[in-house]
C-alpha atoms as a PDB file:
ATOM      1  CA  UNK A   1      -5.073  19.924  24.443  1.00  0.00           C
ATOM      2  CA  UNK A   2      -4.327  19.184  20.658  1.00  0.00           C
ATOM      3  CA  UNK A   3      -6.525  21.235  18.465  1.00  0.00           C
ATOM      4  CA  UNK A   4      -7.810  19.123  16.036  1.00  0.00           C
ATOM      5  CA  UNK A   5      -9.220  19.631  12.531  1.00  0.00           C
ATOM      6  CA  UNK A   6     -11.177  16.813  10.803  1.00  0.00           C
ATOM      7  CA  UNK A   7     -11.661  16.688   6.744  1.00  0.00           C
ATOM      8  CA  UNK A   8     -13.926  14.222   5.335  1.00  0.00           C
ATOM      9  CA  UNK A   9     -17.236  13.360   7.310  1.00  0.00           C
ATOM     10  CA  UNK A  10     -18.077  10.222   5.247  1.00  0.00           C
ATOM     11  CA  UNK A  11     -18.122   6.829   7.256  1.00  0.00           C
ATOM     12  CA  UNK A  12     -14.476   6.781   8.641  1.00  0.00           C
ATOM     13  CA  UNK A  13     -14.286  10.449   8.921  1.00  0.00           C
ATOM     14  CA  UNK A  14     -17.248  10.777  11.146  1.00  0.00           C
ATOM     15  CA  UNK A  15     -16.173   7.965  13.360  1.00  0.00           C
ATOM     16  CA  UNK A  16     -12.734   9.618  13.790  1.00  0.00           C
ATOM     17  CA  UNK A  17     -14.618  12.879  14.603  1.00  0.00           C
ATOM     18  CA  UNK A  18     -16.642  11.300  17.469  1.00  0.00           C
ATOM     19  CA  UNK A  19     -13.304   9.823  18.652  1.00  0.00           C
ATOM     20  CA  UNK A  20     -11.863  13.237  19.177  1.00  0.00           C
ATOM     21  CA  UNK A  21     -15.073  14.484  20.314  1.00  0.00           C
ATOM     22  CA  UNK A  22     -14.967  12.185  22.969  1.00  0.00           C
ATOM     23  CA  UNK A  23     -11.161  12.198  23.860  1.00  0.00           C
ATOM     24  CA  UNK A  24     -10.424  14.424  26.864  1.00  0.00           C
ATOM     25  CA  UNK A  25      -7.087  15.273  25.435  1.00  0.00           C
ATOM     26  CA  UNK A  26      -8.501  16.535  21.987  1.00  0.00           C
ATOM     27  CA  UNK A  27     -10.179  20.101  21.061  1.00  0.00           C
ATOM     28  CA  UNK A  28     -11.904  19.685  17.559  1.00  0.00           C
ATOM     29  CA  UNK A  29     -11.654  23.284  15.953  1.00  0.00           C
ATOM     30  CA  UNK A  30     -13.305  22.529  12.603  1.00  0.00           C
ATOM     31  CA  UNK A  31     -14.927  20.230  10.441  1.00  0.00           C
ATOM     32  CA  UNK A  32     -14.714  20.046   6.608  1.00  0.00           C
ATOM     33  CA  UNK A  33     -16.983  18.541   4.302  1.00  0.00           C
ATOM     34  CA  UNK A  34     -18.575  19.356   0.766  1.00  0.00           C
ATOM     35  CA  UNK A  35     -21.489  20.871   1.848  1.00  0.00           C
ATOM     36  CA  UNK A  36     -19.716  22.981   5.084  1.00  0.00           C
ATOM     37  CA  UNK A  37     -23.192  21.623   7.198  1.00  0.00           C
ATOM     38  CA  UNK A  38     -22.735  19.012   9.937  1.00  0.00           C
ATOM     39  CA  UNK A  39     -25.873  17.016  10.401  1.00  0.00           C
ATOM     40  CA  UNK A  40     -24.652  14.600  13.358  1.00  0.00           C
ATOM     41  CA  UNK A  41     -26.365  15.716  16.681  1.00  0.00           C
ATOM     42  CA  UNK A  42     -23.081  15.279  18.871  1.00  0.00           C
ATOM     43  CA  UNK A  43     -20.805  17.215  16.264  1.00  0.00           C
ATOM     44  CA  UNK A  44     -23.058  19.960  15.586  1.00  0.00           C
ATOM     45  CA  UNK A  45     -21.689  22.585  17.473  1.00  0.00           C
ATOM     46  CA  UNK A  46     -18.461  22.562  16.075  1.00  0.00           C
ATOM     47  CA  UNK A  47     -17.371  25.014  13.420  1.00  0.00           C
ATOM     48  CA  UNK A  48     -17.941  23.859   9.448  1.00  0.00           C
ATOM     49  CA  UNK A  49     -16.224  24.431   6.234  1.00  0.00           C
ATOM     50  CA  UNK A  50     -16.789  23.488   2.797  1.00  0.00           C
ATOM     51  CA  UNK A  51     -12.832  24.505   1.720  1.00  0.00           C
ATOM     52  CA  UNK A  52      -9.931  22.697   3.347  1.00  0.00           C
ATOM     53  CA  UNK A  53      -7.429  25.514   3.035  1.00  0.00           C
ATOM     54  CA  UNK A  54      -9.654  27.733   4.646  1.00  0.00           C
ATOM     55  CA  UNK A  55     -10.185  25.723   7.712  1.00  0.00           C
ATOM     56  CA  UNK A  56      -6.483  24.894   8.141  1.00  0.00           C
ATOM     57  CA  UNK A  57      -5.831  28.908   7.631  1.00  0.00           C
ATOM     58  CA  UNK A  58      -8.545  29.911  10.236  1.00  0.00           C
ATOM     59  CA  UNK A  59      -8.433  27.087  12.898  1.00  0.00           C
ATOM     60  CA  UNK A  60      -4.499  26.904  12.984  1.00  0.00           C
ATOM     61  CA  UNK A  61      -4.919  22.919  14.067  1.00  0.00           C
ATOM     62  CA  UNK A  62      -2.070  21.048  15.772  1.00  0.00           C
ATOM     63  CA  UNK A  63      -3.111  17.912  14.249  1.00  0.00           C
ATOM     64  CA  UNK A  64      -5.368  17.414  11.000  1.00  0.00           C
ATOM     65  CA  UNK A  65      -7.379  14.244  10.425  1.00  0.00           C
ATOM     66  CA  UNK A  66      -7.917  13.674   6.837  1.00  0.00           C
ATOM     67  CA  UNK A  67     -10.480  11.182   5.575  1.00  0.00           C
ATOM     68  CA  UNK A  68     -11.627  12.574   2.194  1.00  0.00           C
ATOM     69  CA  UNK A  69     -11.588  10.700  -1.120  1.00  0.00           C
ATOM     70  CA  UNK A  70      -8.362   9.198  -1.824  1.00  0.00           C
ATOM     71  CA  UNK A  71      -6.854  11.654  -4.733  1.00  0.00           C
ATOM     72  CA  UNK A  72      -6.992  14.561  -2.147  1.00  0.00           C
ATOM     73  CA  UNK A  73      -4.964  12.707   0.878  1.00  0.00           C
ATOM     74  CA  UNK A  74      -1.285  13.629  -0.485  1.00  0.00           C
ATOM     75  CA  UNK A  75      -1.974  17.204  -1.243  1.00  0.00           C
ATOM     76  CA  UNK A  76      -3.942  17.915   2.004  1.00  0.00           C
ATOM     77  CA  UNK A  77      -1.585  16.115   4.253  1.00  0.00           C
ATOM     78  CA  UNK A  78       1.352  18.055   2.754  1.00  0.00           C
ATOM     79  CA  UNK A  79      -0.408  21.128   2.869  1.00  0.00           C
ATOM     80  CA  UNK A  80      -1.370  20.691   6.490  1.00  0.00           C
ATOM     81  CA  UNK A  81       2.253  19.376   7.533  1.00  0.00           C
ATOM     82  CA  UNK A  82       3.620  22.750   5.890  1.00  0.00           C
ATOM     83  CA  UNK A  83       1.448  24.792   8.093  1.00  0.00           C
ATOM     84  CA  UNK A  84       2.904  22.912  11.146  1.00  0.00           C
ATOM     85  CA  UNK A  85       0.260  20.375  11.797  1.00  0.00           C
ATOM     86  CA  UNK A  86       0.756  16.758  12.574  1.00  0.00           C
ATOM     87  CA  UNK A  87      -1.289  14.395  10.172  1.00  0.00           C
ATOM     88  CA  UNK A  88      -3.524  11.360  10.272  1.00  0.00           C
ATOM     89  CA  UNK A  89      -4.320  10.191   6.948  1.00  0.00           C
ATOM     90  CA  UNK A  90      -6.968   7.458   6.067  1.00  0.00           C
ATOM     91  CA  UNK A  91      -5.529   4.848   4.095  1.00  0.00           C
ATOM     92  CA  UNK A  92      -4.303   5.081   0.938  1.00  0.00           C
ATOM     93  CA  UNK A  93      -2.103   7.328   1.803  1.00  0.00           C
ATOM     94  CA  UNK A  94      -2.077   8.451  -1.880  1.00  0.00           C
ATOM     95  CA  UNK A  95      -2.943   7.332  -5.254  1.00  0.00           C
ATOM     96  CA  UNK A  96       0.354   6.861  -6.764  1.00  0.00           C
ATOM     97  CA  UNK A  97       3.795   5.737  -5.108  1.00  0.00           C
ATOM     98  CA  UNK A  98       5.482   9.037  -5.927  1.00  0.00           C
ATOM     99  CA  UNK A  99       2.783  10.900  -4.055  1.00  0.00           C
ATOM    100  CA  UNK A 100       3.186   8.811  -0.982  1.00  0.00           C
ATOM    101  CA  UNK A 101       6.625   9.323  -0.887  1.00  0.00           C
ATOM    102  CA  UNK A 102       6.248  12.980  -1.209  1.00  0.00           C
ATOM    103  CA  UNK A 103       4.113  12.901   2.233  1.00  0.00           C
ATOM    104  CA  UNK A 104       6.508  10.757   4.211  1.00  0.00           C
ATOM    105  CA  UNK A 105       9.584  12.738   2.732  1.00  0.00           C
ATOM    106  CA  UNK A 106       7.626  15.914   3.992  1.00  0.00           C
ATOM    107  CA  UNK A 107       6.831  14.168   7.428  1.00  0.00           C
ATOM    108  CA  UNK A 108      10.426  13.655   7.986  1.00  0.00           C
ATOM    109  CA  UNK A 109      11.679  16.842   6.593  1.00  0.00           C
ATOM    110  CA  UNK A 110       9.162  19.062   8.805  1.00  0.00           C
ATOM    111  CA  UNK A 111       9.381  16.546  11.892  1.00  0.00           C
ATOM    112  CA  UNK A 112       5.707  16.055  11.865  1.00  0.00           C
ATOM    113  CA  UNK A 113       3.930  12.852  12.999  1.00  0.00           C
ATOM    114  CA  UNK A 114       2.179  11.273  10.161  1.00  0.00           C
ATOM    115  CA  UNK A 115      -0.230   7.892  11.082  1.00  0.00           C
ATOM    116  CA  UNK A 116      -1.806   6.421   8.079  1.00  0.00           C
ATOM    117  CA  UNK A 117      -5.534   4.428   8.905  1.00  0.00           C
ATOM    118  CA  UNK A 118      -4.402   0.606   8.966  1.00  0.00           C
ATOM    119  CA  UNK A 119      -6.944   0.275  11.545  1.00  0.00           C
ATOM    120  CA  UNK A 120      -6.004  -3.308  11.913  1.00  0.00           C
ATOM    121  CA  UNK A 121      -2.732  -2.221  13.493  1.00  0.00           C
ATOM    122  CA  UNK A 122      -4.767  -1.432  16.711  1.00  0.00           C
ATOM    123  CA  UNK A 123      -6.670  -4.577  16.796  1.00  0.00           C
ATOM    124  CA  UNK A 124      -5.797  -7.024  19.498  1.00  0.00           C
ATOM    125  CA  UNK A 125      -6.873 -10.177  17.465  1.00  0.00           C
ATOM    126  CA  UNK A 126      -5.447  -9.079  14.508  1.00  0.00           C
ATOM    127  CA  UNK A 127      -2.140  -8.303  16.390  1.00  0.00           C
ATOM    128  CA  UNK A 128      -2.450 -12.155  18.314  1.00  0.00           C
ATOM    129  CA  UNK A 129      -2.847 -13.343  14.333  1.00  0.00           C
ATOM    130  CA  UNK A 130       0.485 -11.914  13.196  1.00  0.00           C
ATOM    131  CA  UNK A 131       2.029 -13.133  16.378  1.00  0.00           C
ATOM    132  CA  UNK A 132       0.945 -16.731  15.911  1.00  0.00           C
ATOM    133  CA  UNK A 133       1.834 -16.634  12.351  1.00  0.00           C
ATOM    134  CA  UNK A 134       5.625 -15.322  12.805  1.00  0.00           C
ATOM    135  CA  UNK A 135       5.805 -17.851  15.599  1.00  0.00           C
ATOM    136  CA  UNK A 136       5.266 -20.437  13.106  1.00  0.00           C
ATOM    137  CA  UNK A 137       8.035 -19.299  10.890  1.00  0.00           C
ATOM    138  CA  UNK A 138       8.403 -18.542   7.310  1.00  0.00           C
ATOM    139  CA  UNK A 139       8.125 -18.696   4.437  1.00  0.00           C
ATOM    140  CA  UNK A 140       4.560 -18.016   3.963  1.00  0.00           C
ATOM    141  CA  UNK A 141       1.375 -18.507   2.069  1.00  0.00           C
ATOM    142  CA  UNK A 142      -1.038 -15.687   2.430  1.00  0.00           C
ATOM    143  CA  UNK A 143      -4.780 -16.406   1.520  1.00  0.00           C
ATOM    144  CA  UNK A 144      -6.560 -13.141   2.435  1.00  0.00           C
ATOM    145  CA  UNK A 145      -9.812 -11.537   0.435  1.00  0.00           C
ATOM    146  CA  UNK A 146     -12.656  -9.129   1.454  1.00  0.00           C
ATOM    147  CA  UNK A 147     -15.482  -9.339  -1.247  1.00  0.00           C
ATOM    148  CA  UNK A 148     -18.333  -6.904  -0.612  1.00  0.00           C
ATOM    149  CA  UNK A 149     -21.944  -7.554  -1.624  1.00  0.00           C
ATOM    150  CA  UNK A 150     -23.295  -3.913  -1.849  1.00  0.00           C
ATOM    151  CA  UNK A 151     -26.507  -2.501  -3.167  1.00  0.00           C
ATOM    152  CA  UNK A 152     -28.488   0.766  -2.657  1.00  0.00           C
ATOM    153  CA  UNK A 153     -26.448   3.691  -0.617  1.00  0.00           C
ATOM    154  CA  UNK A 154     -23.700   1.206  -0.123  1.00  0.00           C
ATOM    155  CA  UNK A 155     -23.319   0.620  -3.681  1.00  0.00           C
ATOM    156  CA  UNK A 156     -23.500   4.407  -4.191  1.00  0.00           C
ATOM    157  CA  UNK A 157     -20.422   4.695  -1.891  1.00  0.00           C
ATOM    158  CA  UNK A 158     -18.467   1.934  -3.896  1.00  0.00           C
ATOM    159  CA  UNK A 159     -19.078   3.676  -7.008  1.00  0.00           C
ATOM    160  CA  UNK A 160     -17.665   7.172  -5.642  1.00  0.00           C
ATOM    161  CA  UNK A 161     -14.733   5.191  -4.429  1.00  0.00           C
ATOM    162  CA  UNK A 162     -13.915   3.662  -7.788  1.00  0.00           C
ATOM    163  CA  UNK A 163     -13.860   7.218  -9.400  1.00  0.00           C
ATOM    164  CA  UNK A 164     -10.438   7.482  -7.909  1.00  0.00           C
ATOM    165  CA  UNK A 165      -9.528   3.867  -6.606  1.00  0.00           C
ATOM    166  CA  UNK A 166      -9.977   0.281  -7.148  1.00  0.00           C
ATOM    167  CA  UNK A 167     -11.173  -2.083  -4.613  1.00  0.00           C
ATOM    168  CA  UNK A 168      -7.896  -3.910  -4.498  1.00  0.00           C
ATOM    169  CA  UNK A 169      -6.193  -1.002  -3.747  1.00  0.00           C
ATOM    170  CA  UNK A 170      -8.563   0.770  -1.416  1.00  0.00           C
ATOM    171  CA  UNK A 171      -9.163  -2.532   0.889  1.00  0.00           C
ATOM    172  CA  UNK A 172      -5.902  -4.239   0.049  1.00  0.00           C
ATOM    173  CA  UNK A 173      -3.630  -2.022   1.556  1.00  0.00           C
ATOM    174  CA  UNK A 174      -4.883  -3.579   4.792  1.00  0.00           C
ATOM    175  CA  UNK A 175      -4.138  -7.080   4.214  1.00  0.00           C
ATOM    176  CA  UNK A 176      -1.056  -6.539   2.290  1.00  0.00           C
ATOM    177  CA  UNK A 177       0.215  -4.451   5.397  1.00  0.00           C
ATOM    178  CA  UNK A 178      -0.589  -7.421   7.366  1.00  0.00           C
ATOM    179  CA  UNK A 179       1.336  -9.820   5.115  1.00  0.00           C
ATOM    180  CA  UNK A 180       4.284  -7.353   5.167  1.00  0.00           C
ATOM    181  CA  UNK A 181       4.232  -7.413   9.119  1.00  0.00           C
ATOM    182  CA  UNK A 182       4.671 -11.067   9.167  1.00  0.00           C
ATOM    183  CA  UNK A 183       7.303 -11.700   6.683  1.00  0.00           C
ATOM    184  CA  UNK A 184       9.240  -8.720   6.740  1.00  0.00           C
ATOM    185  CA  UNK A 185      10.664  -9.605   3.443  1.00  0.00           C
ATOM    186  CA  UNK A 186      10.805  -7.135   0.376  1.00  0.00           C
ATOM    187  CA  UNK A 187       8.172  -7.627  -2.353  1.00  0.00           C
ATOM    188  CA  UNK A 188       9.573  -8.709  -5.204  1.00  0.00           C
ATOM    189  CA  UNK A 189       6.838  -9.459  -8.205  1.00  0.00           C
ATOM    190  CA  UNK A 190       3.137  -8.894  -8.534  1.00  0.00           C
ATOM    191  CA  UNK A 191       0.846 -10.247 -10.945  1.00  0.00           C
ATOM    192  CA  UNK A 192      -2.863  -9.148 -11.199  1.00  0.00           C
ATOM    193  CA  UNK A 193      -6.001  -9.942 -12.664  1.00  0.00           C
ATOM    194  CA  UNK A 194      -9.099  -7.754 -12.714  1.00  0.00           C
ATOM    195  CA  UNK A 195     -12.728  -7.567 -14.504  1.00  0.00           C
ATOM    196  CA  UNK A 196     -15.159  -4.735 -14.745  1.00  0.00           C
ATOM    197  CA  UNK A 197     -18.721  -6.433 -13.596  1.00  0.00           C
ATOM    198  CA  UNK A 198     -21.072  -3.449 -14.099  1.00  0.00           C
ATOM    199  CA  UNK A 199     -21.869  -0.993 -16.674  1.00  0.00           C
ATOM    200  CA  UNK A 200     -22.594   1.630 -13.658  1.00  0.00           C
ATOM    201  CA  UNK A 201     -18.732   2.341 -13.089  1.00  0.00           C
ATOM    202  CA  UNK A 202     -16.235   3.949 -15.391  1.00  0.00           C
ATOM    203  CA  UNK A 203     -15.141   1.884 -18.603  1.00  0.00           C
ATOM    204  CA  UNK A 204     -11.461   1.985 -17.160  1.00  0.00           C
ATOM    205  CA  UNK A 205     -12.264   0.873 -13.947  1.00  0.00           C
ATOM    206  CA  UNK A 206     -12.992  -2.574 -12.382  1.00  0.00           C
ATOM    207  CA  UNK A 207     -14.806  -3.715  -9.511  1.00  0.00           C
ATOM    208  CA  UNK A 208     -13.381  -7.023  -9.176  1.00  0.00           C
ATOM    209  CA  UNK A 209      -9.699  -7.821  -8.696  1.00  0.00           C
ATOM    210  CA  UNK A 210      -7.229 -10.494  -7.269  1.00  0.00           C
ATOM    211  CA  UNK A 211      -3.316 -10.590  -7.391  1.00  0.00           C
ATOM    212  CA  UNK A 212      -0.211 -12.696  -6.619  1.00  0.00           C
ATOM    213  CA  UNK A 213       2.601 -11.258  -4.948  1.00  0.00           C
ATOM    214  CA  UNK A 214       6.122 -12.889  -4.413  1.00  0.00           C
ATOM    215  CA  UNK A 215       8.342 -11.892  -1.400  1.00  0.00           C
ATOM    216  CA  UNK A 216      12.250 -11.967  -1.432  1.00  0.00           C
ATOM    217  CA  UNK A 217      12.177 -14.876   1.288  1.00  0.00           C
ATOM    218  CA  UNK A 218      10.139 -17.059  -0.981  1.00  0.00           C
ATOM    219  CA  UNK A 219       6.783 -15.857   0.599  1.00  0.00           C
ATOM    220  CA  UNK A 220       3.697 -15.681  -1.653  1.00  0.00           C
ATOM    221  CA  UNK A 221       0.489 -13.975  -1.162  1.00  0.00           C
ATOM    222  CA  UNK A 222      -2.961 -13.840  -2.894  1.00  0.00           C
ATOM    223  CA  UNK A 223      -5.486 -11.373  -2.448  1.00  0.00           C
ATOM    224  CA  UNK A 224      -9.001 -10.978  -3.676  1.00  0.00           C
ATOM    225  CA  UNK A 225     -11.429  -7.829  -3.730  1.00  0.00           C
ATOM    226  CA  UNK A 226     -14.735  -7.262  -5.226  1.00  0.00           C
ATOM    227  CA  UNK A 227     -17.586  -4.560  -4.764  1.00  0.00           C
ATOM    228  CA  UNK A 228     -21.286  -4.705  -6.034  1.00  0.00           C
ATOM    229  CA  UNK A 229     -24.669  -6.422  -6.012  1.00  0.00           C
ATOM    230  CA  UNK A 230     -23.299  -8.993  -8.084  1.00  0.00           C
ATOM    231  CA  UNK A 231     -20.559 -10.431  -5.694  1.00  0.00           C
ATOM    232  CA  UNK A 232     -21.484 -13.625  -3.727  1.00  0.00           C
ATOM    233  CA  UNK A 233     -21.733 -13.850  -0.142  1.00  0.00           C
ATOM    234  CA  UNK A 234     -19.754 -17.195  -0.082  1.00  0.00           C
ATOM    235  CA  UNK A 235     -15.992 -17.095   1.168  1.00  0.00           C
ATOM    236  CA  UNK A 236     -16.179 -13.310   1.093  1.00  0.00           C
ATOM    237  CA  UNK A 237     -13.757 -13.339   3.990  1.00  0.00           C
ATOM    238  CA  UNK A 238     -10.823 -15.959   3.784  1.00  0.00           C
ATOM    239  CA  UNK A 239      -8.217 -15.173   5.809  1.00  0.00           C
ATOM    240  CA  UNK A 240      -5.565 -18.260   6.048  1.00  0.00           C
ATOM    241  CA  UNK A 241      -1.666 -17.972   6.598  1.00  0.00           C
ATOM    242  CA  UNK A 242       0.343 -20.972   5.793  1.00  0.00           C
ATOM    243  CA  UNK A 243       3.918 -22.024   6.610  1.00  0.00           C
ATOM    244  CA  UNK A 244       5.988 -25.112   6.609  1.00  0.00           C
ATOM    245  CA  UNK A 245       5.349 -25.484  10.241  1.00  0.00           C
ATOM    246  CA  UNK A 246       1.437 -25.092   9.996  1.00  0.00           C
ATOM    247  CA  UNK A 247      -1.043 -22.662   9.561  1.00  0.00           C
ATOM    248  CA  UNK A 248      -3.020 -19.700  11.213  1.00  0.00           C
ATOM    249  CA  UNK A 249      -6.601 -19.222  10.060  1.00  0.00           C
ATOM    250  CA  UNK A 250      -9.588 -16.948  11.136  1.00  0.00           C
ATOM    251  CA  UNK A 251     -12.485 -19.183  12.026  1.00  0.00           C
ATOM    252  CA  UNK A 252     -15.490 -16.710  12.116  1.00  0.00           C
ATOM    253  CA  UNK A 253     -14.800 -14.950   8.735  1.00  0.00           C
ATOM    254  CA  UNK A 254     -18.255 -15.128   7.143  1.00  0.00           C
ATOM    255  CA  UNK A 255     -20.153 -14.407  10.260  1.00  0.00           C
ATOM    256  CA  UNK A 256     -22.962 -11.874   9.151  1.00  0.00           C
ATOM    257  CA  UNK A 257     -23.220 -10.007   5.910  1.00  0.00           C
ATOM    258  CA  UNK A 258     -20.194  -9.005   3.471  1.00  0.00           C
ATOM    259  CA  UNK A 259     -21.809  -5.257   3.737  1.00  0.00           C
ATOM    260  CA  UNK A 260     -21.381  -5.290   7.718  1.00  0.00           C
ATOM    261  CA  UNK A 261     -18.117  -2.998   8.477  1.00  0.00           C
ATOM    262  CA  UNK A 262     -17.733  -4.299  11.984  1.00  0.00           C
ATOM    263  CA  UNK A 263     -17.549  -8.045  10.344  1.00  0.00           C
ATOM    264  CA  UNK A 264     -14.313  -6.702   8.456  1.00  0.00           C
ATOM    265  CA  UNK A 265     -12.316  -6.455  11.522  1.00  0.00           C
ATOM    266  CA  UNK A 266     -13.308  -9.064  13.672  1.00  0.00           C
ATOM    267  CA  UNK A 267     -11.844 -12.348  14.150  1.00  0.00           C
ATOM    268  CA  UNK A 268     -13.873 -14.204  16.392  1.00  0.00           C
ATOM    269  CA  UNK A 269     -11.620 -17.124  16.869  1.00  0.00           C
ATOM    270  CA  UNK A 270      -8.170 -18.203  15.650  1.00  0.00           C
ATOM    271  CA  UNK A 271      -7.489 -21.836  14.425  1.00  0.00           C
ATOM    272  CA  UNK A 272      -3.861 -22.608  14.952  1.00  0.00           C
ATOM    273  CA  UNK A 273      -2.505 -26.078  13.011  1.00  0.00           C
ATOM    274  CA  UNK A 274       0.603 -27.832  13.152  1.00  0.00           C
ATOM    275  CA  UNK A 275       1.587 -31.383  12.533  1.00  0.00           C
ATOM    276  CA  UNK A 276       1.424 -32.248  16.148  1.00  0.00           C
ATOM    277  CA  UNK A 277      -2.279 -31.120  16.650  1.00  0.00           C
ATOM    278  CA  UNK A 278      -4.797 -28.149  16.345  1.00  0.00           C
ATOM    279  CA  UNK A 279      -5.834 -25.393  19.072  1.00  0.00           C
ATOM    280  CA  UNK A 280      -8.209 -22.889  18.522  1.00  0.00           C
ATOM    281  CA  UNK A 281      -7.671 -19.377  20.450  1.00  0.00           C
ATOM    282  CA  UNK A 282     -10.996 -17.497  21.251  1.00  0.00           C
ATOM    283  CA  UNK A 283     -11.312 -13.951  20.591  1.00  0.00           C
ATOM    284  CA  UNK A 284     -14.445 -12.588  22.890  1.00  0.00           C
ATOM    285  CA  UNK A 285     -15.504  -8.905  23.245  1.00  0.00           C
ATOM    286  CA  UNK A 286     -13.694  -7.713  20.553  1.00  0.00           C
ATOM    287  CA  UNK A 287     -13.639  -4.065  19.785  1.00  0.00           C
ATOM    288  CA  UNK A 288     -16.146  -2.705  17.332  1.00  0.00           C
ATOM    289  CA  UNK A 289     -15.782  -0.029  14.367  1.00  0.00           C
ATOM    290  CA  UNK A 290     -15.915   2.923  16.492  1.00  0.00           C
ATOM    291  CA  UNK A 291     -13.696   1.350  19.450  1.00  0.00           C
ATOM    292  CA  UNK A 292     -10.953   0.835  16.841  1.00  0.00           C
ATOM    293  CA  UNK A 293     -11.452   4.458  15.463  1.00  0.00           C
ATOM    294  CA  UNK A 294     -11.057   5.547  18.926  1.00  0.00           C
ATOM    295  CA  UNK A 295      -7.917   3.646  19.360  1.00  0.00           C
ATOM    296  CA  UNK A 296      -6.492   4.726  16.266  1.00  0.00           C
ATOM    297  CA  UNK A 297      -6.785   8.267  17.291  1.00  0.00           C
ATOM    298  CA  UNK A 298      -5.626   7.723  20.840  1.00  0.00           C
ATOM    299  CA  UNK A 299      -2.399   6.195  19.332  1.00  0.00           C
ATOM    300  CA  UNK A 300      -2.239   9.759  17.160  1.00  0.00           C
ATOM    301  CA  UNK A 301      -2.130  11.852  20.124  1.00  0.00           C
ATOM    302  CA  UNK A 302       0.065   9.627  22.143  1.00  0.00           C
ATOM    303  CA  UNK A 303       2.703   9.449  19.055  1.00  0.00           C
ATOM    304  CA  UNK A 304       2.586  13.475  19.194  1.00  0.00           C
ATOM    305  CA  UNK A 305       2.636  13.306  23.139  1.00  0.00           C
ATOM    306  CA  UNK A 306       5.235  10.716  23.252  1.00  0.00           C
ATOM    307  CA  UNK A 307       7.350  11.659  20.381  1.00  0.00           C
ATOM    308  CA  UNK A 308       7.073   7.993  19.007  1.00  0.00           C
ATOM    309  CA  UNK A 309       9.247   6.986  16.108  1.00  0.00           C
ATOM    310  CA  UNK A 310       6.935   6.586  13.264  1.00  0.00           C
ATOM    311  CA  UNK A 311       9.630   5.762  10.673  1.00  0.00           C
ATOM    312  CA  UNK A 312       8.959   1.890  10.281  1.00  0.00           C
ATOM    313  CA  UNK A 313       4.967   2.658  10.151  1.00  0.00           C
ATOM    314  CA  UNK A 314       5.526   5.343   7.178  1.00  0.00           C
ATOM    315  CA  UNK A 315       7.711   3.210   5.426  1.00  0.00           C
ATOM    316  CA  UNK A 316       5.522   0.263   5.832  1.00  0.00           C
ATOM    317  CA  UNK A 317       2.209   2.175   4.326  1.00  0.00           C
ATOM    318  CA  UNK A 318       4.402   3.174   1.161  1.00  0.00           C
ATOM    319  CA  UNK A 319       5.462  -0.357   0.749  1.00  0.00           C
ATOM    320  CA  UNK A 320       2.110  -1.741   1.067  1.00  0.00           C
ATOM    321  CA  UNK A 321       0.742   0.985  -1.339  1.00  0.00           C
ATOM    322  CA  UNK A 322       3.323   0.240  -3.690  1.00  0.00           C
ATOM    323  CA  UNK A 323       2.290  -3.595  -3.930  1.00  0.00           C
ATOM    324  CA  UNK A 324      -1.422  -2.652  -4.487  1.00  0.00           C
ATOM    325  CA  UNK A 325      -0.792  -0.054  -7.129  1.00  0.00           C
ATOM    326  CA  UNK A 326       1.598  -2.804  -9.092  1.00  0.00           C
ATOM    327  CA  UNK A 327      -1.297  -5.139  -8.839  1.00  0.00           C
ATOM    328  CA  UNK A 328      -3.286  -2.404 -10.039  1.00  0.00           C
ATOM    329  CA  UNK A 329      -0.840  -1.590 -13.138  1.00  0.00           C
ATOM    330  CA  UNK A 330      -0.547  -5.191 -13.684  1.00  0.00           C
ATOM    331  CA  UNK A 331      -4.366  -5.627 -14.245  1.00  0.00           C
ATOM    332  CA  UNK A 332      -4.239  -2.697 -16.621  1.00  0.00           C
ATOM    333  CA  UNK A 333      -1.387  -3.740 -18.474  1.00  0.00           C
ATOM    334  CA  UNK A 334      -1.824  -7.474 -18.578  1.00  0.00           C
ATOM    335  CA  UNK A 335       1.703  -7.951 -17.421  1.00  0.00           C
ATOM    336  CA  UNK A 336       3.447  -8.829 -14.215  1.00  0.00           C
ATOM    337  CA  UNK A 337       5.404  -6.061 -12.519  1.00  0.00           C
ATOM    338  CA  UNK A 338       8.412  -6.286 -10.907  1.00  0.00           C
ATOM    339  CA  UNK A 339       8.829  -4.034  -7.719  1.00  0.00           C
ATOM    340  CA  UNK A 340      12.555  -3.048  -8.493  1.00  0.00           C
ATOM    341  CA  UNK A 341      10.716  -1.066 -11.203  1.00  0.00           C
ATOM    342  CA  UNK A 342       9.139   2.278 -10.499  1.00  0.00           C
ATOM    343  CA  UNK A 343       5.250   1.985 -10.281  1.00  0.00           C
ATOM    344  CA  UNK A 344       2.878   4.754 -11.128  1.00  0.00           C
END
């Protein structure tokens, strides 16, 4: 039985906690949030803490799942691993590349398992999308976006996230990870543009951004993300991959509202186009958000039990973060960023 401590009980943290609550091989030994109180009925019986280090010290977990705000991810992950725990950490792995590398180096040095919350890696439809694109062969054009029209509590959550992380970093790492899995090539250069569309966020933050990335094999990618009540519901979910031999596209991207979290992972169907004709691959009975979190945490537990080699997974997490942070740097400086140069 793996003893698990969960830090952060927002949308993702709560889902991860429920995944461990229902998993037969996991025992929750503590929950951490700012208030030190848990209001969810299923989780009410577990010990609750308001301080992360106290919780780790008192519960002595085998595994720590971290779903706090981004600026705490690296320090919490390293602290947990130094005590002997394995770590699951929500994306992004850190808020800068140096800290991301520090987390990976700590995991490698201490022989701890480190899984980063790239939820699409556990979604059968997205795995099929990646396989179909790779089957076409590169180089590729990636056209991906996720814009979210948010208001009320959802807008408050987005504003809280933007205290430390821009939309193109918070959401972008998922889709850049997809690009990297398809092309397998090293990123070379990133050029970003962004705009602050609200007086309700800090003057040095932007809630809309887009960037272009060039890969060593000639592949090029575009990603766009925006948050807020001003965002359009038109073409908010574009997932389109083009190669010299055809294209693969998600067909049901604009089903539902952009604020629907379940909709962010749903594929519905794939349209595979080649010069010789088109065919559609239907994806019925796709997993929902909670089922995907269940699958993520089951993988985390299996990685520990089966001693799965996570080297590629960890390196990919650093690379996708580096691309998104380079885009953020480009937006702030107005200059393209070479990935051969150090990013902040």
